[in-house]
PDB file of N, CA and C in Angstrom:
ATOM      1  N   GLN A   1       0.836  -1.172   0.037  1.00  0.00           N
ATOM      2  CA  GLN A   1       0.018   0.017   0.011  1.00  0.00           C
ATOM      3  C   GLN A   1       0.866   1.291  -0.035  1.00  0.00           C
ATOM      4  N   GLU A   2       1.966   1.167   0.725  1.00  0.00           N
ATOM      5  CA  GLU A   2       2.909   2.311   0.758  1.00  0.00           C
ATOM      6  C   GLU A   2       3.480   2.607  -0.566  1.00  0.00           C
ATOM      7  N   VAL A   3       3.864   1.567  -1.269  1.00  0.00           N
ATOM      8  CA  VAL A   3       4.400   1.682  -2.600  1.00  0.00           C
ATOM      9  C   VAL A   3       3.444   2.210  -3.597  1.00  0.00           C
ATOM     10  N   ALA A   4       2.233   1.620  -3.575  1.00  0.00           N
ATOM     11  CA  ALA A   4       1.124   2.014  -4.437  1.00  0.00           C
ATOM     12  C   ALA A   4       0.874   3.506  -4.321  1.00  0.00           C
ATOM     13  N   GLY A   5       0.875   3.970  -3.011  1.00  0.00           N
ATOM     14  CA  GLY A   5       0.651   5.494  -2.844  1.00  0.00           C
ATOM     15  C   GLY A   5       1.673   6.309  -3.343  1.00  0.00           C
ATOM     16  N   LYS A   6       2.976   5.812  -3.277  1.00  0.00           N
ATOM     17  CA  LYS A   6       4.112   6.647  -3.788  1.00  0.00           C
ATOM     18  C   LYS A   6       4.211   6.691  -5.308  1.00  0.00           C
ATOM     19  N   VAL A   7       3.820   5.547  -6.000  1.00  0.00           N
ATOM     20  CA  VAL A   7       4.029   5.461  -7.417  1.00  0.00           C
ATOM     21  C   VAL A   7       2.818   6.020  -8.201  1.00  0.00           C
ATOM     22  N   GLY A   8       1.717   6.059  -7.534  1.00  0.00           N
ATOM     23  CA  GLY A   8       0.427   6.570  -8.180  1.00  0.00           C
ATOM     24  C   GLY A   8       0.069   5.779  -9.513  1.00  0.00           C
ATOM     25  N   ASP A   9      -0.093   6.461 -10.569  1.00  0.00           N
ATOM     26  CA  ASP A   9      -0.513   5.834 -11.867  1.00  0.00           C
ATOM     27  C   ASP A   9       0.725   5.289 -12.695  1.00  0.00           C
ATOM     28  N   LYS A  10       1.949   5.375 -12.137  1.00  0.00           N
ATOM     29  CA  LYS A  10       3.084   4.761 -12.865  1.00  0.00           C
ATOM     30  C   LYS A  10       3.036   3.323 -12.841  1.00  0.00           C
ATOM     31  N   ALA A  11       2.361   2.619 -11.933  1.00  0.00           N
ATOM     32  CA  ALA A  11       2.270   1.147 -11.874  1.00  0.00           C
ATOM     33  C   ALA A  11       1.024   0.760 -11.204  1.00  0.00           C
ATOM     34  N   ARG A  12       0.674  -0.456 -11.561  1.00  0.00           N
ATOM     35  CA  ARG A  12      -0.446  -1.149 -10.773  1.00  0.00           C
ATOM     36  C   ARG A  12       0.120  -2.253  -9.968  1.00  0.00           C
ATOM     37  N   ILE A  13      -0.142  -2.179  -8.634  1.00  0.00           N
ATOM     38  CA  ILE A  13       0.481  -3.217  -7.682  1.00  0.00           C
ATOM     39  C   ILE A  13      -0.611  -4.267  -7.554  1.00  0.00           C
ATOM     40  N   VAL A  14      -0.173  -5.534  -7.822  1.00  0.00           N
ATOM     41  CA  VAL A  14      -1.039  -6.691  -7.711  1.00  0.00           C
ATOM     42  C   VAL A  14      -0.388  -7.680  -6.710  1.00  0.00           C
ATOM     43  N   LYS A  15      -1.198  -8.078  -5.698  1.00  0.00           N
ATOM     44  CA  LYS A  15      -0.712  -9.150  -4.754  1.00  0.00           C
ATOM     45  C   LYS A  15      -1.349 -10.484  -5.105  1.00  0.00           C
ATOM     46  N   ILE A  16      -0.610 -11.528  -5.249  1.00  0.00           N
ATOM     47  CA  ILE A  16      -1.069 -12.820  -5.635  1.00  0.00           C
ATOM     48  C   ILE A  16      -0.845 -13.802  -4.461  1.00  0.00           C
ATOM     49  N   ASP A  17      -1.801 -14.520  -3.996  1.00  0.00           N
ATOM     50  CA  ASP A  17      -1.662 -15.546  -2.983  1.00  0.00           C
ATOM     51  C   ASP A  17      -1.261 -16.801  -3.625  1.00  0.00           C
ATOM     52  N   VAL A  18       0.032 -17.178  -3.552  1.00  0.00           N
ATOM     53  CA  VAL A  18       0.572 -18.352  -4.262  1.00  0.00           C
ATOM     54  C   VAL A  18      -0.041 -19.643  -3.715  1.00  0.00           C
ATOM     55  N   ASP A  19      -0.432 -19.677  -2.473  1.00  0.00           N
ATOM     56  CA  ASP A  19      -1.059 -20.872  -1.895  1.00  0.00           C
ATOM     57  C   ASP A  19      -2.419 -21.146  -2.529  1.00  0.00           C
ATOM     58  N   ALA A  20      -3.142 -20.117  -2.823  1.00  0.00           N
ATOM     59  CA  ALA A  20      -4.457 -20.191  -3.460  1.00  0.00           C
ATOM     60  C   ALA A  20      -4.386 -20.221  -4.962  1.00  0.00           C
ATOM     61  N   ASN A  21      -3.213 -19.953  -5.484  1.00  0.00           N
ATOM     62  CA  ASN A  21      -3.008 -19.979  -6.961  1.00  0.00           C
ATOM     63  C   ASN A  21      -1.726 -20.728  -7.342  1.00  0.00           C
ATOM     64  N   PRO A  22      -1.614 -22.000  -7.041  1.00  0.00           N
ATOM     65  CA  PRO A  22      -0.416 -22.724  -7.275  1.00  0.00           C
ATOM     66  C   PRO A  22       0.001 -22.855  -8.815  1.00  0.00           C
ATOM     67  N   ALA A  23      -0.990 -22.907  -9.642  1.00  0.00           N
ATOM     68  CA  ALA A  23      -0.659 -23.008 -11.099  1.00  0.00           C
ATOM     69  C   ALA A  23       0.019 -21.730 -11.602  1.00  0.00           C
ATOM     70  N   LEU A  24      -0.482 -20.586 -11.064  1.00  0.00           N
ATOM     71  CA  LEU A  24       0.071 -19.303 -11.496  1.00  0.00           C
ATOM     72  C   LEU A  24       1.527 -19.196 -10.962  1.00  0.00           C
ATOM     73  N   ALA A  25       1.707 -19.683  -9.642  1.00  0.00           N
ATOM     74  CA  ALA A  25       3.003 -19.594  -9.066  1.00  0.00           C
ATOM     75  C   ALA A  25       3.944 -20.518  -9.905  1.00  0.00           C
ATOM     76  N   ALA A  26       3.497 -21.627 -10.329  1.00  0.00           N
ATOM     77  CA  ALA A  26       4.387 -22.546 -11.074  1.00  0.00           C
ATOM     78  C   ALA A  26       4.727 -21.886 -12.420  1.00  0.00           C
ATOM     79  N   GLN A  27       3.685 -21.329 -13.076  1.00  0.00           N
ATOM     80  CA  GLN A  27       3.890 -20.726 -14.441  1.00  0.00           C
ATOM     81  C   GLN A  27       4.852 -19.549 -14.326  1.00  0.00           C
ATOM     82  N   MET A  28       4.795 -18.843 -13.195  1.00  0.00           N
ATOM     83  CA  MET A  28       5.780 -17.670 -12.988  1.00  0.00           C
ATOM     84  C   MET A  28       7.076 -18.038 -12.349  1.00  0.00           C
ATOM     85  N   GLN A  29       7.248 -19.410 -12.103  1.00  0.00           N
ATOM     86  CA  GLN A  29       8.427 -19.960 -11.479  1.00  0.00           C
ATOM     87  C   GLN A  29       8.773 -19.221 -10.205  1.00  0.00           C
ATOM     88  N   ILE A  30       7.756 -19.091  -9.382  1.00  0.00           N
ATOM     89  CA  ILE A  30       7.985 -18.442  -8.054  1.00  0.00           C
ATOM     90  C   ILE A  30       8.325 -19.521  -7.122  1.00  0.00           C
ATOM     91  N   GLN A  31       9.529 -19.465  -6.512  1.00  0.00           N
ATOM     92  CA  GLN A  31       9.984 -20.482  -5.582  1.00  0.00           C
ATOM     93  C   GLN A  31      10.154 -19.859  -4.129  1.00  0.00           C
ATOM     94  N   GLY A  32      10.288 -18.593  -4.126  1.00  0.00           N
ATOM     95  CA  GLY A  32      10.471 -17.957  -2.789  1.00  0.00           C
ATOM     96  C   GLY A  32       9.437 -16.947  -2.609  1.00  0.00           C
ATOM     97  N   VAL A  33       9.004 -16.703  -1.418  1.00  0.00           N
ATOM     98  CA  VAL A  33       7.980 -15.640  -1.068  1.00  0.00           C
ATOM     99  C   VAL A  33       8.563 -14.626  -0.059  1.00  0.00           C
ATOM    100  N   PRO A  34       8.524 -13.426  -0.325  1.00  0.00           N
ATOM    101  CA  PRO A  34       7.828 -12.832  -1.476  1.00  0.00           C
ATOM    102  C   PRO A  34       8.707 -12.762  -2.659  1.00  0.00           C
ATOM    103  N   THR A  35       8.103 -12.680  -3.838  1.00  0.00           N
ATOM    104  CA  THR A  35       8.754 -12.434  -5.158  1.00  0.00           C
ATOM    105  C   THR A  35       8.076 -11.329  -5.822  1.00  0.00           C
ATOM    106  N   PHE A  36       8.892 -10.370  -6.178  1.00  0.00           N
ATOM    107  CA  PHE A  36       8.471  -9.085  -6.812  1.00  0.00           C
ATOM    108  C   PHE A  36       8.802  -9.181  -8.358  1.00  0.00           C
ATOM    109  N   VAL A  37       7.826  -8.935  -9.166  1.00  0.00           N
ATOM    110  CA  VAL A  37       8.067  -8.983 -10.554  1.00  0.00           C
ATOM    111  C   VAL A  37       7.477  -7.761 -11.191  1.00  0.00           C
ATOM    112  N   LEU A  38       8.255  -7.068 -11.973  1.00  0.00           N
ATOM    113  CA  LEU A  38       7.791  -5.874 -12.681  1.00  0.00           C
ATOM    114  C   LEU A  38       7.681  -6.097 -14.181  1.00  0.00           C
ATOM    115  N   PHE A  39       6.452  -5.947 -14.636  1.00  0.00           N
ATOM    116  CA  PHE A  39       6.177  -6.109 -16.051  1.00  0.00           C
ATOM    117  C   PHE A  39       6.027  -4.785 -16.732  1.00  0.00           C
ATOM    118  N   GLN A  40       6.408  -4.689 -17.961  1.00  0.00           N
ATOM    119  CA  GLN A  40       6.198  -3.562 -18.733  1.00  0.00           C
ATOM    120  C   GLN A  40       5.830  -4.040 -20.204  1.00  0.00           C
ATOM    121  N   LYS A  41       4.565  -3.783 -20.538  1.00  0.00           N
ATOM    122  CA  LYS A  41       3.983  -4.111 -21.857  1.00  0.00           C
ATOM    123  C   LYS A  41       4.102  -5.660 -21.916  1.00  0.00           C
ATOM    124  N   GLY A  42       3.756  -6.318 -20.870  1.00  0.00           N
ATOM    125  CA  GLY A  42       3.647  -7.858 -20.844  1.00  0.00           C
ATOM    126  C   GLY A  42       5.065  -8.523 -20.787  1.00  0.00           C
ATOM    127  N   GLU A  43       6.103  -7.778 -20.643  1.00  0.00           N
ATOM    128  CA  GLU A  43       7.425  -8.369 -20.571  1.00  0.00           C
ATOM    129  C   GLU A  43       8.058  -8.133 -19.177  1.00  0.00           C
ATOM    130  N   VAL A  44       8.703  -9.217 -18.639  1.00  0.00           N
ATOM    131  CA  VAL A  44       9.300  -9.076 -17.325  1.00  0.00           C
ATOM    132  C   VAL A  44      10.538  -8.192 -17.472  1.00  0.00           C
ATOM    133  N   LYS A  45      10.561  -7.103 -16.735  1.00  0.00           N
ATOM    134  CA  LYS A  45      11.720  -6.222 -16.745  1.00  0.00           C
ATOM    135  C   LYS A  45      12.614  -6.305 -15.498  1.00  0.00           C
ATOM    136  N   TRP A  46      12.057  -6.737 -14.470  1.00  0.00           N
ATOM    137  CA  TRP A  46      12.814  -6.886 -13.113  1.00  0.00           C
ATOM    138  C   TRP A  46      12.123  -7.872 -12.293  1.00  0.00           C
ATOM    139  N   ARG A  47      12.910  -8.666 -11.576  1.00  0.00           N
ATOM    140  CA  ARG A  47      12.400  -9.737 -10.680  1.00  0.00           C
ATOM    141  C   ARG A  47      13.340  -9.869  -9.536  1.00  0.00           C
ATOM    142  N   GLN A  48      12.807  -9.951  -8.368  1.00  0.00           N
ATOM    143  CA  GLN A  48      13.605 -10.226  -7.153  1.00  0.00           C
ATOM    144  C   GLN A  48      12.856 -10.927  -6.106  1.00  0.00           C
ATOM    145  N   SER A  49      13.460 -11.888  -5.563  1.00  0.00           N
ATOM    146  CA  SER A  49      12.871 -12.654  -4.409  1.00  0.00           C
ATOM    147  C   SER A  49      13.396 -12.113  -3.088  1.00  0.00           C
ATOM    148  N   GLY A  50      12.604 -12.207  -2.048  1.00  0.00           N
ATOM    149  CA  GLY A  50      13.014 -11.752  -0.735  1.00  0.00           C
ATOM    150  C   GLY A  50      12.369 -10.387  -0.444  1.00  0.00           C
ATOM    151  N   MET A  51      12.491  -9.986   0.836  1.00  0.00           N
ATOM    152  CA  MET A  51      11.919  -8.699   1.229  1.00  0.00           C
ATOM    153  C   MET A  51      12.693  -7.547   0.533  1.00  0.00           C
ATOM    154  N   GLN A  52      11.963  -6.537   0.103  1.00  0.00           N
ATOM    155  CA  GLN A  52      12.540  -5.376  -0.444  1.00  0.00           C
ATOM    156  C   GLN A  52      11.918  -4.175   0.221  1.00  0.00           C
ATOM    157  N   SER A  53      12.750  -3.136   0.441  1.00  0.00           N
ATOM    158  CA  SER A  53      12.142  -1.960   1.046  1.00  0.00           C
ATOM    159  C   SER A  53      11.291  -1.208   0.066  1.00  0.00           C
ATOM    160  N   ALA A  54      10.360  -0.402   0.632  1.00  0.00           N
ATOM    161  CA  ALA A  54       9.458   0.454  -0.262  1.00  0.00           C
ATOM    162  C   ALA A  54      10.375   1.343  -1.073  1.00  0.00           C
ATOM    163  N   HIS A  55      11.444   1.723  -0.501  1.00  0.00           N
ATOM    164  CA  HIS A  55      12.337   2.663  -1.335  1.00  0.00           C
ATOM    165  C   HIS A  55      12.912   2.014  -2.572  1.00  0.00           C
ATOM    166  N   VAL A  56      13.421   0.831  -2.329  1.00  0.00           N
ATOM    167  CA  VAL A  56      13.962   0.052  -3.533  1.00  0.00           C
ATOM    168  C   VAL A  56      12.900  -0.210  -4.587  1.00  0.00           C
ATOM    169  N   LEU A  57      11.651  -0.595  -4.145  1.00  0.00           N
ATOM    170  CA  LEU A  57      10.564  -0.865  -5.087  1.00  0.00           C
ATOM    171  C   LEU A  57      10.146   0.371  -5.871  1.00  0.00           C
ATOM    172  N   THR A  58      10.040   1.500  -5.179  1.00  0.00           N
ATOM    173  CA  THR A  58       9.676   2.811  -5.818  1.00  0.00           C
ATOM    174  C   THR A  58      10.806   3.187  -6.848  1.00  0.00           C
ATOM    175  N   ASP A  59      12.048   3.039  -6.401  1.00  0.00           N
ATOM    176  CA  ASP A  59      13.103   3.360  -7.275  1.00  0.00           C
ATOM    177  C   ASP A  59      13.093   2.484  -8.627  1.00  0.00           C
ATOM    178  N   VAL A  60      12.865   1.255  -8.472  1.00  0.00           N
ATOM    179  CA  VAL A  60      12.816   0.317  -9.651  1.00  0.00           C
ATOM    180  C   VAL A  60      11.671   0.769 -10.544  1.00  0.00           C
ATOM    181  N   ILE A  61      10.464   1.014  -9.966  1.00  0.00           N
ATOM    182  CA  ILE A  61       9.351   1.416 -10.734  1.00  0.00           C
ATOM    183  C   ILE A  61       9.584   2.817 -11.455  1.00  0.00           C
ATOM    184  N   ASP A  62      10.173   3.758 -10.748  1.00  0.00           N
ATOM    185  CA  ASP A  62      10.474   4.993 -11.330  1.00  0.00           C
ATOM    186  C   ASP A  62      11.439   4.872 -12.451  1.00  0.00           C
ATOM    187  N   GLN A  63      12.528   3.954 -12.358  1.00  0.00           N
ATOM    188  CA  GLN A  63      13.482   3.748 -13.359  1.00  0.00           C
ATOM    189  C   GLN A  63      12.795   3.237 -14.630  1.00  0.00           C
ATOM    190  N   TYR A  64      11.919   2.302 -14.588  1.00  0.00           N
ATOM    191  CA  TYR A  64      11.263   1.743 -15.747  1.00  0.00           C
ATOM    192  C   TYR A  64      10.136   2.649 -16.280  1.00  0.00           C
ATOM    193  N   ALA A  65       9.598   3.518 -15.434  1.00  0.00           N
ATOM    194  CA  ALA A  65       8.478   4.383 -15.856  1.00  0.00           C
ATOM    195  C   ALA A  65       9.060   5.425 -16.803  1.00  0.00           C
ATOM    196  N   LYS A  66      10.337   5.739 -16.622  1.00  0.00           N
ATOM    197  CA  LYS A  66      11.035   6.789 -17.430  1.00  0.00           C
ATOM    198  C   LYS A  66      11.370   6.240 -18.819  1.00  0.00           C
ATOM    199  N   ALA A  67      11.584   4.875 -18.855  1.00  0.00           N
ATOM    200  CA  ALA A  67      11.960   4.240 -20.119  1.00  0.00           C
ATOM    201  C   ALA A  67      10.858   4.243 -21.130  1.00  0.00           C
TER     202      ALA A  67
END
């Protein structure tokens, strides 16, 4: 919620429950939780497993929003 508030319309934040959606987790090759994936026009631009600070996430989104 903090990141969503900071990035506004630059990105849409979606949280997926991998326990409730195991097929999607397998399709996305998610092995660790949390896993953050940034898509741009349907293409994976950035992916990271493990906790990330709100600052890191907003920086990554800002970097790709400029591209």
